[in-house]
């Protein structure tokens, strides 16, 4: 009985540590948002993609995130820059060590949907959540009541996933109660103004998947993962569903 009690206490302590770490990382994510520029404009043009690549400069084993407020940007690129900034902040604090091979795989090149880390993040469907599940970077969930500021959030404006989907890669900032109902507040690169916060009625969101960064050291698992995630790669030309997306993300 005593051993059982010790096991329960140990498990609870482990859970407490995990939750506190998740909170710390969420706070760190929010700190990185504060250092991002405001405005610019939203664009998914080739020029915007080139500017994104130059904004995440990798040199001597370190990322230098230097987005310009005057540059066009798009949603998944904006949230990915915050993600990389968070990883670099953890490395600078001595809380995370990643080998060169893993760091190199974080570089934004011209990866197609489903290829590498950036290609997964940028893919249609639940790109970020699929990456988190595949590498076990943290928990995915779809309950707004569990969401905390600093969670990565993929918004689906309709129930369509994959081809013909309408989605938005964001970082959750909280809920607001207004006279006309509940609103969801988030940060991203938004149409038309680019980098910044935005609030939308909760009723306009058909579905959302949240991803909470908890175990960033597991990024090293990308070295043994397939280069292409075939599910995400297929979503440019095929349709999926919320049910299938959830299954692919461990929900």
C-alpha atoms as a PDB file:
ATOM      1  CA  UNK A   1       0.000   0.000   0.000  1.00  0.00           C
ATOM      2  CA  UNK A   2       2.877   2.348   0.856  1.00  0.00           C
ATOM      3  CA  UNK A   3       4.478   1.664  -2.545  1.00  0.00           C
ATOM      4  CA  UNK A   4       1.171   2.414  -4.244  1.00  0.00           C
ATOM      5  CA  UNK A   5       0.930   5.711  -2.354  1.00  0.00           C
ATOM      6  CA  UNK A   6       4.461   6.657  -3.392  1.00  0.00           C
ATOM      7  CA  UNK A   7       3.674   5.770  -7.009  1.00  0.00           C
ATOM      8  CA  UNK A   8       0.555   7.933  -6.979  1.00  0.00           C
ATOM      9  CA  UNK A   9       2.437  10.866  -5.452  1.00  0.00           C
ATOM     10  CA  UNK A  10       5.258  10.450  -7.979  1.00  0.00           C
ATOM     11  CA  UNK A  11       2.776  10.365 -10.851  1.00  0.00           C
ATOM     12  CA  UNK A  12       1.050  13.481  -9.567  1.00  0.00           C
ATOM     13  CA  UNK A  13       4.364  15.276  -9.170  1.00  0.00           C
ATOM     14  CA  UNK A  14       5.299  14.277 -12.700  1.00  0.00           C
ATOM     15  CA  UNK A  15       1.994  15.623 -13.969  1.00  0.00           C
ATOM     16  CA  UNK A  16       2.527  18.869 -12.053  1.00  0.00           C
ATOM     17  CA  UNK A  17       5.998  19.285 -13.543  1.00  0.00           C
ATOM     18  CA  UNK A  18       4.660  18.626 -17.039  1.00  0.00           C
ATOM     19  CA  UNK A  19       1.893  21.187 -16.604  1.00  0.00           C
ATOM     20  CA  UNK A  20       4.279  23.802 -15.215  1.00  0.00           C
ATOM     21  CA  UNK A  21       6.661  23.225 -18.109  1.00  0.00           C
ATOM     22  CA  UNK A  22       3.785  23.634 -20.558  1.00  0.00           C
ATOM     23  CA  UNK A  23       2.842  26.876 -18.843  1.00  0.00           C
ATOM     24  CA  UNK A  24       6.418  28.098 -18.981  1.00  0.00           C
ATOM     25  CA  UNK A  25       6.607  27.352 -22.680  1.00  0.00           C
ATOM     26  CA  UNK A  26       3.285  29.065 -23.341  1.00  0.00           C
ATOM     27  CA  UNK A  27       4.592  32.152 -21.579  1.00  0.00           C
ATOM     28  CA  UNK A  28       7.747  31.959 -23.661  1.00  0.00           C
ATOM     29  CA  UNK A  29       5.686  31.698 -26.845  1.00  0.00           C
ATOM     30  CA  UNK A  30       3.806  34.850 -25.827  1.00  0.00           C
ATOM     31  CA  UNK A  31       7.115  36.608 -25.130  1.00  0.00           C
ATOM     32  CA  UNK A  32       8.230  35.872 -28.693  1.00  0.00           C
ATOM     33  CA  UNK A  33       5.018  37.359 -30.096  1.00  0.00           C
ATOM     34  CA  UNK A  34       5.825  40.621 -28.296  1.00  0.00           C
ATOM     35  CA  UNK A  35       9.094  40.791 -30.224  1.00  0.00           C
ATOM     36  CA  UNK A  36       7.460  40.303 -33.613  1.00  0.00           C
ATOM     37  CA  UNK A  37       6.709  43.328 -35.813  1.00  0.00           C
ATOM     38  CA  UNK A  38       3.255  44.797 -36.283  1.00  0.00           C
ATOM     39  CA  UNK A  39       1.479  45.208 -39.584  1.00  0.00           C
ATOM     40  CA  UNK A  40       2.964  44.867 -43.036  1.00  0.00           C
ATOM     41  CA  UNK A  41       0.412  43.109 -45.178  1.00  0.00           C
ATOM     42  CA  UNK A  42      -0.900  39.616 -45.751  1.00  0.00           C
ATOM     43  CA  UNK A  43       0.225  37.833 -48.910  1.00  0.00           C
ATOM     44  CA  UNK A  44       0.836  34.279 -50.073  1.00  0.00           C
ATOM     45  CA  UNK A  45       2.869  35.430 -53.075  1.00  0.00           C
ATOM     46  CA  UNK A  46       6.232  33.990 -54.074  1.00  0.00           C
ATOM     47  CA  UNK A  47       7.850  37.189 -52.809  1.00  0.00           C
ATOM     48  CA  UNK A  48       6.267  36.682 -49.375  1.00  0.00           C
ATOM     49  CA  UNK A  49       7.755  33.179 -49.238  1.00  0.00           C
ATOM     50  CA  UNK A  50      11.200  34.501 -50.179  1.00  0.00           C
ATOM     51  CA  UNK A  51      10.934  37.134 -47.451  1.00  0.00           C
ATOM     52  CA  UNK A  52       9.965  34.433 -44.966  1.00  0.00           C
ATOM     53  CA  UNK A  53      13.088  32.422 -45.788  1.00  0.00           C
ATOM     54  CA  UNK A  54      15.311  35.460 -45.284  1.00  0.00           C
ATOM     55  CA  UNK A  55      13.538  36.263 -41.994  1.00  0.00           C
ATOM     56  CA  UNK A  56      14.753  32.996 -40.448  1.00  0.00           C
ATOM     57  CA  UNK A  57      18.485  33.174 -41.123  1.00  0.00           C
ATOM     58  CA  UNK A  58      20.514  30.180 -39.918  1.00  0.00           C
ATOM     59  CA  UNK A  59      24.211  30.767 -39.317  1.00  0.00           C
ATOM     60  CA  UNK A  60      26.855  29.112 -37.123  1.00  0.00           C
ATOM     61  CA  UNK A  61      24.291  26.789 -35.581  1.00  0.00           C
ATOM     62  CA  UNK A  62      21.872  29.546 -34.588  1.00  0.00           C
ATOM     63  CA  UNK A  63      18.680  31.045 -35.980  1.00  0.00           C
ATOM     64  CA  UNK A  64      18.391  34.805 -36.328  1.00  0.00           C
ATOM     65  CA  UNK A  65      14.715  35.728 -36.683  1.00  0.00           C
ATOM     66  CA  UNK A  66      14.558  39.141 -38.333  1.00  0.00           C
ATOM     67  CA  UNK A  67      11.145  39.707 -39.924  1.00  0.00           C
ATOM     68  CA  UNK A  68      10.489  43.173 -41.293  1.00  0.00           C
ATOM     69  CA  UNK A  69       7.283  45.030 -40.514  1.00  0.00           C
ATOM     70  CA  UNK A  70       7.244  46.263 -44.096  1.00  0.00           C
ATOM     71  CA  UNK A  71       7.406  42.761 -45.560  1.00  0.00           C
ATOM     72  CA  UNK A  72       4.379  40.762 -46.680  1.00  0.00           C
ATOM     73  CA  UNK A  73       3.662  37.688 -44.566  1.00  0.00           C
ATOM     74  CA  UNK A  74       1.212  34.818 -44.254  1.00  0.00           C
ATOM     75  CA  UNK A  75      -0.276  32.921 -41.337  1.00  0.00           C
ATOM     76  CA  UNK A  76       1.698  29.673 -41.180  1.00  0.00           C
ATOM     77  CA  UNK A  77       4.940  31.563 -41.785  1.00  0.00           C
ATOM     78  CA  UNK A  78       4.157  33.941 -38.919  1.00  0.00           C
ATOM     79  CA  UNK A  79       3.416  31.182 -36.407  1.00  0.00           C
ATOM     80  CA  UNK A  80       6.460  29.186 -37.531  1.00  0.00           C
ATOM     81  CA  UNK A  81       8.736  32.174 -36.907  1.00  0.00           C
ATOM     82  CA  UNK A  82       7.355  32.382 -33.364  1.00  0.00           C
ATOM     83  CA  UNK A  83       7.917  28.638 -32.968  1.00  0.00           C
ATOM     84  CA  UNK A  84      11.574  28.927 -34.041  1.00  0.00           C
ATOM     85  CA  UNK A  85      12.052  31.982 -31.813  1.00  0.00           C
ATOM     86  CA  UNK A  86      10.744  29.920 -28.899  1.00  0.00           C
ATOM     87  CA  UNK A  87      13.167  27.090 -29.679  1.00  0.00           C
ATOM     88  CA  UNK A  88      16.074  29.551 -29.861  1.00  0.00           C
ATOM     89  CA  UNK A  89      15.036  31.187 -26.577  1.00  0.00           C
ATOM     90  CA  UNK A  90      15.084  27.793 -24.859  1.00  0.00           C
ATOM     91  CA  UNK A  91      18.524  27.064 -26.314  1.00  0.00           C
ATOM     92  CA  UNK A  92      19.813  30.464 -25.176  1.00  0.00           C
ATOM     93  CA  UNK A  93      18.596  29.743 -21.629  1.00  0.00           C
ATOM     94  CA  UNK A  94      20.384  26.399 -21.653  1.00  0.00           C
ATOM     95  CA  UNK A  95      17.100  24.494 -21.347  1.00  0.00           C
ATOM     96  CA  UNK A  96      17.252  22.802 -24.738  1.00  0.00           C
ATOM     97  CA  UNK A  97      20.028  21.141 -26.698  1.00  0.00           C
ATOM     98  CA  UNK A  98      19.542  20.112 -30.306  1.00  0.00           C
ATOM     99  CA  UNK A  99      22.183  18.674 -32.610  1.00  0.00           C
ATOM    100  CA  UNK A 100      23.139  20.360 -35.865  1.00  0.00           C
ATOM    101  CA  UNK A 101      21.183  17.875 -37.970  1.00  0.00           C
ATOM    102  CA  UNK A 102      17.952  18.723 -36.142  1.00  0.00           C
ATOM    103  CA  UNK A 103      18.561  22.465 -36.335  1.00  0.00           C
ATOM    104  CA  UNK A 104      19.242  22.222 -40.049  1.00  0.00           C
ATOM    105  CA  UNK A 105      15.891  20.518 -40.551  1.00  0.00           C
ATOM    106  CA  UNK A 106      14.155  23.565 -39.063  1.00  0.00           C
ATOM    107  CA  UNK A 107      15.421  25.758 -41.916  1.00  0.00           C
ATOM    108  CA  UNK A 108      12.768  27.128 -44.254  1.00  0.00           C
ATOM    109  CA  UNK A 109      13.672  26.171 -47.778  1.00  0.00           C
ATOM    110  CA  UNK A 110      11.329  25.506 -50.660  1.00  0.00           C
ATOM    111  CA  UNK A 111       9.789  22.418 -49.064  1.00  0.00           C
ATOM    112  CA  UNK A 112       6.487  21.255 -50.445  1.00  0.00           C
ATOM    113  CA  UNK A 113       3.560  20.422 -48.194  1.00  0.00           C
ATOM    114  CA  UNK A 114       4.398  17.494 -45.928  1.00  0.00           C
ATOM    115  CA  UNK A 115       8.180  17.698 -46.476  1.00  0.00           C
ATOM    116  CA  UNK A 116      10.378  18.092 -43.409  1.00  0.00           C
ATOM    117  CA  UNK A 117       9.394  20.266 -40.459  1.00  0.00           C
ATOM    118  CA  UNK A 118       8.420  23.428 -42.311  1.00  0.00           C
ATOM    119  CA  UNK A 119       6.579  21.464 -45.011  1.00  0.00           C
ATOM    120  CA  UNK A 120       4.501  19.774 -42.324  1.00  0.00           C
ATOM    121  CA  UNK A 121       3.810  23.044 -40.486  1.00  0.00           C
ATOM    122  CA  UNK A 122       2.803  24.819 -43.695  1.00  0.00           C
ATOM    123  CA  UNK A 123       0.593  22.041 -45.060  1.00  0.00           C
ATOM    124  CA  UNK A 124      -3.146  22.117 -45.507  1.00  0.00           C
ATOM    125  CA  UNK A 125      -5.157  20.416 -42.805  1.00  0.00           C
ATOM    126  CA  UNK A 126      -3.789  19.898 -39.296  1.00  0.00           C
ATOM    127  CA  UNK A 127      -0.138  20.482 -40.237  1.00  0.00           C
ATOM    128  CA  UNK A 128       1.134  21.745 -36.883  1.00  0.00           C
ATOM    129  CA  UNK A 129      -0.925  19.270 -34.857  1.00  0.00           C
ATOM    130  CA  UNK A 130       0.198  16.380 -37.045  1.00  0.00           C
ATOM    131  CA  UNK A 131       3.839  17.417 -36.507  1.00  0.00           C
ATOM    132  CA  UNK A 132       3.295  17.652 -32.733  1.00  0.00           C
ATOM    133  CA  UNK A 133       1.735  14.185 -32.659  1.00  0.00           C
ATOM    134  CA  UNK A 134       4.323  12.570 -34.922  1.00  0.00           C
ATOM    135  CA  UNK A 135       7.295  13.888 -32.918  1.00  0.00           C
ATOM    136  CA  UNK A 136       5.472  13.973 -29.551  1.00  0.00           C
ATOM    137  CA  UNK A 137       6.203  17.686 -29.049  1.00  0.00           C
ATOM    138  CA  UNK A 138       3.138  18.176 -26.859  1.00  0.00           C
ATOM    139  CA  UNK A 139      -0.555  17.513 -26.554  1.00  0.00           C
ATOM    140  CA  UNK A 140      -3.213  18.230 -29.170  1.00  0.00           C
ATOM    141  CA  UNK A 141      -6.829  18.889 -28.217  1.00  0.00           C
ATOM    142  CA  UNK A 142      -9.954  20.548 -29.582  1.00  0.00           C
ATOM    143  CA  UNK A 143     -11.674  21.857 -26.448  1.00  0.00           C
ATOM    144  CA  UNK A 144     -11.692  25.656 -26.110  1.00  0.00           C
ATOM    145  CA  UNK A 145     -12.177  25.254 -22.358  1.00  0.00           C
ATOM    146  CA  UNK A 146      -8.727  23.639 -22.111  1.00  0.00           C
ATOM    147  CA  UNK A 147      -6.972  26.262 -24.237  1.00  0.00           C
ATOM    148  CA  UNK A 148      -4.371  28.580 -22.726  1.00  0.00           C
ATOM    149  CA  UNK A 149      -2.806  31.714 -24.214  1.00  0.00           C
ATOM    150  CA  UNK A 150       0.281  30.615 -26.114  1.00  0.00           C
ATOM    151  CA  UNK A 151      -1.235  27.436 -27.571  1.00  0.00           C
ATOM    152  CA  UNK A 152      -0.825  27.059 -31.322  1.00  0.00           C
ATOM    153  CA  UNK A 153      -4.280  26.937 -32.901  1.00  0.00           C
ATOM    154  CA  UNK A 154      -5.344  25.849 -36.380  1.00  0.00           C
ATOM    155  CA  UNK A 155      -8.706  27.377 -37.208  1.00  0.00           C
ATOM    156  CA  UNK A 156     -11.022  25.769 -39.752  1.00  0.00           C
ATOM    157  CA  UNK A 157     -13.607  28.227 -41.043  1.00  0.00           C
ATOM    158  CA  UNK A 158     -15.598  25.315 -42.486  1.00  0.00           C
ATOM    159  CA  UNK A 159     -15.711  21.560 -41.887  1.00  0.00           C
ATOM    160  CA  UNK A 160     -13.690  20.916 -45.041  1.00  0.00           C
ATOM    161  CA  UNK A 161     -10.151  19.605 -44.587  1.00  0.00           C
ATOM    162  CA  UNK A 162      -7.552  19.397 -47.335  1.00  0.00           C
ATOM    163  CA  UNK A 163      -8.545  20.397 -50.830  1.00  0.00           C
ATOM    164  CA  UNK A 164     -10.910  23.399 -50.755  1.00  0.00           C
ATOM    165  CA  UNK A 165     -10.367  23.967 -47.029  1.00  0.00           C
ATOM    166  CA  UNK A 166     -10.436  27.435 -45.500  1.00  0.00           C
ATOM    167  CA  UNK A 167      -8.109  27.566 -42.528  1.00  0.00           C
ATOM    168  CA  UNK A 168      -5.873  29.857 -40.513  1.00  0.00           C
ATOM    169  CA  UNK A 169      -2.682  29.120 -38.540  1.00  0.00           C
ATOM    170  CA  UNK A 170      -2.717  31.176 -35.334  1.00  0.00           C
ATOM    171  CA  UNK A 171      -1.607  31.407 -31.712  1.00  0.00           C
ATOM    172  CA  UNK A 172      -4.434  31.477 -29.187  1.00  0.00           C
ATOM    173  CA  UNK A 173      -4.569  34.536 -26.895  1.00  0.00           C
ATOM    174  CA  UNK A 174      -7.835  34.054 -25.032  1.00  0.00           C
ATOM    175  CA  UNK A 175     -11.614  34.417 -25.051  1.00  0.00           C
ATOM    176  CA  UNK A 176     -13.651  37.604 -24.803  1.00  0.00           C
ATOM    177  CA  UNK A 177     -17.274  38.004 -23.783  1.00  0.00           C
ATOM    178  CA  UNK A 178     -18.986  40.818 -25.670  1.00  0.00           C
ATOM    179  CA  UNK A 179     -22.552  42.016 -25.919  1.00  0.00           C
ATOM    180  CA  UNK A 180     -23.070  40.057 -29.142  1.00  0.00           C
ATOM    181  CA  UNK A 181     -21.464  36.846 -27.898  1.00  0.00           C
ATOM    182  CA  UNK A 182     -18.157  35.122 -27.254  1.00  0.00           C
ATOM    183  CA  UNK A 183     -15.067  36.039 -29.277  1.00  0.00           C
ATOM    184  CA  UNK A 184     -11.778  34.211 -29.845  1.00  0.00           C
ATOM    185  CA  UNK A 185      -8.629  36.333 -29.738  1.00  0.00           C
ATOM    186  CA  UNK A 186      -5.474  35.217 -31.525  1.00  0.00           C
ATOM    187  CA  UNK A 187      -2.210  36.379 -33.097  1.00  0.00           C
ATOM    188  CA  UNK A 188      -1.036  35.630 -36.628  1.00  0.00           C
ATOM    189  CA  UNK A 189      -0.498  37.257 -39.982  1.00  0.00           C
ATOM    190  CA  UNK A 190      -4.055  38.241 -40.813  1.00  0.00           C
ATOM    191  CA  UNK A 191      -5.861  39.497 -43.900  1.00  0.00           C
ATOM    192  CA  UNK A 192      -5.297  42.281 -44.885  1.00  0.00           C
ATOM    193  CA  UNK A 193      -2.936  43.929 -42.402  1.00  0.00           C
ATOM    194  CA  UNK A 194      -0.318  41.262 -41.689  1.00  0.00           C
ATOM    195  CA  UNK A 195       1.214  40.689 -38.255  1.00  0.00           C
ATOM    196  CA  UNK A 196      -1.037  41.400 -35.290  1.00  0.00           C
ATOM    197  CA  UNK A 197      -3.871  40.366 -33.012  1.00  0.00           C
ATOM    198  CA  UNK A 198      -7.422  39.734 -34.118  1.00  0.00           C
ATOM    199  CA  UNK A 199     -10.715  38.692 -32.524  1.00  0.00           C
ATOM    200  CA  UNK A 200     -13.491  36.800 -34.287  1.00  0.00           C
ATOM    201  CA  UNK A 201     -16.870  35.522 -33.071  1.00  0.00           C
ATOM    202  CA  UNK A 202     -16.605  31.995 -31.714  1.00  0.00           C
ATOM    203  CA  UNK A 203     -19.581  31.120 -33.915  1.00  0.00           C
ATOM    204  CA  UNK A 204     -17.530  31.774 -37.076  1.00  0.00           C
ATOM    205  CA  UNK A 205     -15.060  29.001 -36.231  1.00  0.00           C
ATOM    206  CA  UNK A 206     -16.292  25.627 -37.459  1.00  0.00           C
ATOM    207  CA  UNK A 207     -13.514  23.714 -35.719  1.00  0.00           C
ATOM    208  CA  UNK A 208     -10.092  24.270 -34.141  1.00  0.00           C
ATOM    209  CA  UNK A 209      -7.174  22.081 -33.102  1.00  0.00           C
ATOM    210  CA  UNK A 210      -4.844  23.321 -30.363  1.00  0.00           C
ATOM    211  CA  UNK A 211      -1.213  22.224 -29.970  1.00  0.00           C
ATOM    212  CA  UNK A 212       0.698  22.932 -26.753  1.00  0.00           C
ATOM    213  CA  UNK A 213       4.493  22.833 -26.808  1.00  0.00           C
ATOM    214  CA  UNK A 214       5.707  20.635 -23.937  1.00  0.00           C
ATOM    215  CA  UNK A 215       8.657  18.497 -25.064  1.00  0.00           C
ATOM    216  CA  UNK A 216      10.663  20.481 -27.656  1.00  0.00           C
ATOM    217  CA  UNK A 217      13.661  18.152 -27.257  1.00  0.00           C
ATOM    218  CA  UNK A 218      11.648  15.616 -29.237  1.00  0.00           C
ATOM    219  CA  UNK A 219      12.311  17.693 -32.350  1.00  0.00           C
ATOM    220  CA  UNK A 220      15.337  15.408 -32.698  1.00  0.00           C
ATOM    221  CA  UNK A 221      12.910  12.647 -33.700  1.00  0.00           C
ATOM    222  CA  UNK A 222      12.571  14.313 -37.107  1.00  0.00           C
ATOM    223  CA  UNK A 223      15.909  12.699 -37.991  1.00  0.00           C
ATOM    224  CA  UNK A 224      14.311   9.251 -37.969  1.00  0.00           C
ATOM    225  CA  UNK A 225      10.913  10.311 -39.333  1.00  0.00           C
ATOM    226  CA  UNK A 226      10.006   9.921 -43.017  1.00  0.00           C
ATOM    227  CA  UNK A 227      11.028  13.000 -44.997  1.00  0.00           C
ATOM    228  CA  UNK A 228       7.495  13.271 -46.382  1.00  0.00           C
ATOM    229  CA  UNK A 229       4.294  12.954 -44.381  1.00  0.00           C
ATOM    230  CA  UNK A 230       2.143  11.369 -47.069  1.00  0.00           C
ATOM    231  CA  UNK A 231      -1.137  12.351 -45.397  1.00  0.00           C
ATOM    232  CA  UNK A 232      -0.271  16.057 -45.294  1.00  0.00           C
ATOM    233  CA  UNK A 233       1.300  15.928 -48.755  1.00  0.00           C
ATOM    234  CA  UNK A 234      -1.942  14.544 -50.179  1.00  0.00           C
ATOM    235  CA  UNK A 235      -4.134  17.360 -48.855  1.00  0.00           C
ATOM    236  CA  UNK A 236      -3.347  19.753 -51.696  1.00  0.00           C
ATOM    237  CA  UNK A 237      -5.282  17.528 -54.083  1.00  0.00           C
ATOM    238  CA  UNK A 238      -7.519  15.329 -51.922  1.00  0.00           C
ATOM    239  CA  UNK A 239     -10.168  15.893 -49.298  1.00  0.00           C
ATOM    240  CA  UNK A 240      -9.929  14.658 -45.757  1.00  0.00           C
ATOM    241  CA  UNK A 241     -12.323  15.118 -42.843  1.00  0.00           C
ATOM    242  CA  UNK A 242     -12.312  16.387 -39.279  1.00  0.00           C
ATOM    243  CA  UNK A 243     -12.602  12.785 -38.105  1.00  0.00           C
ATOM    244  CA  UNK A 244      -9.564  11.660 -40.102  1.00  0.00           C
ATOM    245  CA  UNK A 245      -7.566  14.758 -39.140  1.00  0.00           C
ATOM    246  CA  UNK A 246      -8.241  14.063 -35.477  1.00  0.00           C
ATOM    247  CA  UNK A 247      -7.108  10.465 -35.832  1.00  0.00           C
ATOM    248  CA  UNK A 248      -3.886  11.597 -37.535  1.00  0.00           C
ATOM    249  CA  UNK A 249      -3.211  13.989 -34.634  1.00  0.00           C
ATOM    250  CA  UNK A 250      -3.925  11.641 -31.752  1.00  0.00           C
ATOM    251  CA  UNK A 251      -7.256  13.154 -30.756  1.00  0.00           C
END
